[in-house]
Amino acid sequence: MKVLKEADKTIKSRAKHYGPVEENWDNIARLWSAYLDIKITSEDVGVLNILQKVARLKEDNKLFDNYVDIAGYSALIGDIVEKAQR
């Protein structure tokens, strides 16, 4: 539960700095899409961020921050998907 509580705090802190995640990840998706010349969605941005953290865990699985970020990214993806299904 500590990971989830920290993830919630981190999400709220990031939103203050970067704005709503949907807008931020949509912007990132557009930039990545243009650079890679393939369609990237905001959900893809979240999943790719998780994979980056997984790669870091492969090198050092003791860093608490990576687990917090994975939980946060997962929660944000879930929120985006849920809103899209309404």
C-alpha atoms as a PDB file:
ATOM      1  CA  MET A   1       0.000   0.000   0.000  1.00  0.00           C
ATOM      2  CA  LYS A   2       2.948   2.331   0.559  1.00  0.00           C
ATOM      3  CA  VAL A   3       3.745   2.186  -3.170  1.00  0.00           C
ATOM      4  CA  LEU A   4       0.172   3.152  -4.088  1.00  0.00           C
ATOM      5  CA  LYS A   5       0.092   6.015  -1.595  1.00  0.00           C
ATOM      6  CA  GLU A   6       3.392   7.355  -2.926  1.00  0.00           C
ATOM      7  CA  ALA A   7       2.164   6.957  -6.499  1.00  0.00           C
ATOM      8  CA  ASP A   8      -0.933   9.014  -5.674  1.00  0.00           C
ATOM      9  CA  LYS A   9       1.237  11.791  -4.207  1.00  0.00           C
ATOM     10  CA  THR A  10       3.549  11.718  -7.208  1.00  0.00           C
ATOM     11  CA  ILE A  11       0.662  11.893  -9.688  1.00  0.00           C
ATOM     12  CA  LYS A  12      -0.773  14.940  -7.922  1.00  0.00           C
ATOM     13  CA  SER A  13       2.633  16.629  -7.768  1.00  0.00           C
ATOM     14  CA  ARG A  14       3.342  16.009 -11.460  1.00  0.00           C
ATOM     15  CA  ALA A  15      -0.073  17.381 -12.435  1.00  0.00           C
ATOM     16  CA  LYS A  16       0.822  20.669 -10.732  1.00  0.00           C
ATOM     17  CA  HIS A  17       3.994  20.925 -12.825  1.00  0.00           C
ATOM     18  CA  TYR A  18       2.918  19.422 -16.145  1.00  0.00           C
ATOM     19  CA  GLY A  19      -0.856  19.856 -16.235  1.00  0.00           C
ATOM     20  CA  PRO A  20      -3.463  17.162 -16.847  1.00  0.00           C
ATOM     21  CA  VAL A  21      -1.925  13.845 -17.835  1.00  0.00           C
ATOM     22  CA  GLU A  22      -4.246  13.450 -20.813  1.00  0.00           C
ATOM     23  CA  GLU A  23      -2.960  16.685 -22.347  1.00  0.00           C
ATOM     24  CA  ASN A  24       0.669  15.959 -21.481  1.00  0.00           C
ATOM     25  CA  TRP A  25       0.631  12.400 -22.804  1.00  0.00           C
ATOM     26  CA  ASP A  26      -1.316  13.443 -25.934  1.00  0.00           C
ATOM     27  CA  ASN A  27       1.426  15.980 -26.625  1.00  0.00           C
ATOM     28  CA  ILE A  28       4.139  13.377 -26.034  1.00  0.00           C
ATOM     29  CA  ALA A  29       2.264  10.915 -28.286  1.00  0.00           C
ATOM     30  CA  ARG A  30       2.097  13.477 -31.115  1.00  0.00           C
ATOM     31  CA  LEU A  31       5.815  14.216 -30.815  1.00  0.00           C
ATOM     32  CA  TRP A  32       6.786  10.529 -30.709  1.00  0.00           C
ATOM     33  CA  SER A  33       4.421   9.773 -33.602  1.00  0.00           C
ATOM     34  CA  ALA A  34       6.016  12.466 -35.743  1.00  0.00           C
ATOM     35  CA  TYR A  35       9.523  11.365 -34.831  1.00  0.00           C
ATOM     36  CA  LEU A  36       8.918   7.632 -35.357  1.00  0.00           C
ATOM     37  CA  ASP A  37       6.479   8.068 -38.252  1.00  0.00           C
ATOM     38  CA  ILE A  38       3.976   5.693 -36.603  1.00  0.00           C
ATOM     39  CA  LYS A  39       0.811   6.297 -34.591  1.00  0.00           C
ATOM     40  CA  ILE A  40       1.455   6.491 -30.833  1.00  0.00           C
ATOM     41  CA  THR A  41      -1.437   6.961 -28.407  1.00  0.00           C
ATOM     42  CA  SER A  42      -1.450   8.460 -24.934  1.00  0.00           C
ATOM     43  CA  GLU A  43      -1.981   4.944 -23.590  1.00  0.00           C
ATOM     44  CA  ASP A  44       1.151   3.857 -25.478  1.00  0.00           C
ATOM     45  CA  VAL A  45       3.066   6.659 -23.764  1.00  0.00           C
ATOM     46  CA  GLY A  46       2.089   5.236 -20.370  1.00  0.00           C
ATOM     47  CA  VAL A  47       2.969   1.673 -21.338  1.00  0.00           C
ATOM     48  CA  LEU A  48       6.316   2.723 -22.801  1.00  0.00           C
ATOM     49  CA  ASN A  49       7.092   4.627 -19.608  1.00  0.00           C
ATOM     50  CA  ILE A  50       6.330   1.447 -17.636  1.00  0.00           C
ATOM     51  CA  LEU A  51       8.664  -0.526 -19.893  1.00  0.00           C
ATOM     52  CA  GLN A  52      11.398   2.036 -19.287  1.00  0.00           C
ATOM     53  CA  LYS A  53      10.993   1.467 -15.546  1.00  0.00           C
ATOM     54  CA  VAL A  54      11.036  -2.316 -16.048  1.00  0.00           C
ATOM     55  CA  ALA A  55      14.330  -1.974 -17.939  1.00  0.00           C
ATOM     56  CA  ARG A  56      15.723   0.029 -15.038  1.00  0.00           C
ATOM     57  CA  LEU A  57      14.526  -2.620 -12.575  1.00  0.00           C
ATOM     58  CA  LYS A  58      16.504  -5.201 -14.535  1.00  0.00           C
ATOM     59  CA  GLU A  59      19.653  -3.305 -13.554  1.00  0.00           C
ATOM     60  CA  ASP A  60      18.624  -2.507  -9.964  1.00  0.00           C
ATOM     61  CA  ASN A  61      15.408  -3.988  -8.581  1.00  0.00           C
ATOM     62  CA  LYS A  62      15.810  -2.360  -5.191  1.00  0.00           C
ATOM     63  CA  LEU A  63      14.979   1.227  -6.163  1.00  0.00           C
ATOM     64  CA  PHE A  64      11.575   1.997  -4.616  1.00  0.00           C
ATOM     65  CA  ASP A  65      10.964   4.911  -7.006  1.00  0.00           C
ATOM     66  CA  ASN A  66      10.620   2.586  -9.990  1.00  0.00           C
ATOM     67  CA  TYR A  67       7.774   0.669  -8.336  1.00  0.00           C
ATOM     68  CA  VAL A  68       6.038   3.920  -7.424  1.00  0.00           C
ATOM     69  CA  ASP A  69       6.305   5.168 -10.992  1.00  0.00           C
ATOM     70  CA  ILE A  70       5.022   1.884 -12.461  1.00  0.00           C
ATOM     71  CA  ALA A  71       1.998   1.998 -10.149  1.00  0.00           C
ATOM     72  CA  GLY A  72       1.383   5.630 -11.041  1.00  0.00           C
ATOM     73  CA  TYR A  73       1.657   5.054 -14.779  1.00  0.00           C
ATOM     74  CA  SER A  74      -0.680   2.081 -14.529  1.00  0.00           C
ATOM     75  CA  ALA A  75      -3.262   4.120 -12.607  1.00  0.00           C
ATOM     76  CA  LEU A  76      -3.075   6.954 -15.129  1.00  0.00           C
ATOM     77  CA  ILE A  77      -3.495   4.568 -18.075  1.00  0.00           C
ATOM     78  CA  GLY A  78      -6.504   3.047 -16.334  1.00  0.00           C
ATOM     79  CA  ASP A  79      -8.040   6.501 -15.862  1.00  0.00           C
ATOM     80  CA  ILE A  80      -7.523   7.379 -19.534  1.00  0.00           C
ATOM     81  CA  VAL A  81      -9.029   4.089 -20.717  1.00  0.00           C
ATOM     82  CA  GLU A  82     -11.974   4.431 -18.329  1.00  0.00           C
ATOM     83  CA  LYS A  83     -12.756   7.962 -19.543  1.00  0.00           C
ATOM     84  CA  ALA A  84     -12.591   6.795 -23.173  1.00  0.00           C
ATOM     85  CA  GLN A  85     -15.152   4.056 -22.449  1.00  0.00           C
ATOM     86  CA  ARG A  86     -17.759   6.474 -21.063  1.00  0.00           C
END
